[in-house]
Amino acid sequence: MQQISDRINRLRENENLEDAARAVLKHLGELKRLYLTAVEEKLLNLLESEYEIR
């Protein structure tokens, strides 16, 4: 879970995030489970790729 949180926080630090990206990150950050579903993982990967964060 810490790794997911770190990934989300790195993205949130980007000043150029669009509102849609912020909404996805907000949702992912509020999850109560310790894992991401396949779709959630793909969304997070897409955002990291789009904003060149790894």
Protein backbone atom coordinates (compact mmCIF):
# COMPACT_ATOMS: atom_id res chain seq x y z
CA MET A 1 0.00 0.00 0.00
CA GLN A 2 2.87 2.40 0.74
CA GLN A 3 4.19 1.94 -2.79
CA ILE A 4 0.80 2.85 -4.27
CA SER A 5 0.57 5.88 -2.02
CA ASP A 6 4.06 7.02 -3.04
CA ARG A 7 3.18 6.71 -6.72
CA ILE A 8 -0.02 8.72 -6.25
CA ASN A 9 1.79 11.43 -4.25
CA ARG A 10 4.51 11.81 -6.89
CA LEU A 11 1.82 12.43 -9.49
CA ARG A 12 -0.08 14.87 -7.29
CA GLU A 13 3.05 17.01 -7.02
CA ASN A 14 2.88 17.76 -10.75
CA GLU A 15 1.59 21.28 -11.27
CA ASN A 16 0.32 20.48 -14.78
CA LEU A 17 -2.15 17.76 -13.77
CA GLU A 18 -5.48 18.06 -15.48
CA ASP A 19 -8.71 17.89 -13.49
CA ALA A 20 -9.50 14.40 -14.79
CA ALA A 21 -6.13 13.12 -13.61
CA ARG A 22 -6.66 14.71 -10.20
CA ALA A 23 -10.06 13.02 -9.94
CA VAL A 24 -8.58 9.59 -10.73
CA LEU A 25 -5.80 10.10 -8.18
CA LYS A 26 -8.32 11.24 -5.58
CA HIS A 27 -10.34 8.07 -6.09
CA LEU A 28 -7.27 5.82 -5.97
CA GLY A 29 -6.07 7.54 -2.82
CA GLU A 30 -9.36 6.89 -1.05
CA LEU A 31 -9.44 3.13 -1.67
CA LYS A 32 -9.69 1.02 1.47
CA ARG A 33 -7.99 -2.05 0.03
CA LEU A 34 -4.29 -2.80 -0.17
CA TYR A 35 -4.18 -3.43 -3.91
CA LEU A 36 -5.32 -1.97 -7.21
CA THR A 37 -7.53 -3.78 -9.66
CA ALA A 38 -6.15 -4.37 -13.15
CA VAL A 39 -8.03 -1.32 -14.48
CA GLU A 40 -6.87 0.90 -11.61
CA GLU A 41 -3.27 -0.20 -12.14
CA LYS A 42 -3.57 0.60 -15.86
CA LEU A 43 -4.96 4.06 -15.06
CA LEU A 44 -2.11 4.77 -12.66
CA ASN A 45 0.44 3.52 -15.20
CA LEU A 46 -1.14 5.69 -17.88
CA LEU A 47 -0.93 8.79 -15.70
CA GLU A 48 2.69 8.04 -14.80
CA SER A 49 3.50 7.60 -18.47
CA GLU A 50 1.60 10.72 -19.54
CA TYR A 51 3.29 12.86 -16.93
CA GLU A 52 6.65 11.04 -17.29
CA ILE A 53 6.88 9.89 -13.69
CA ARG A 54 8.51 6.62 -12.64
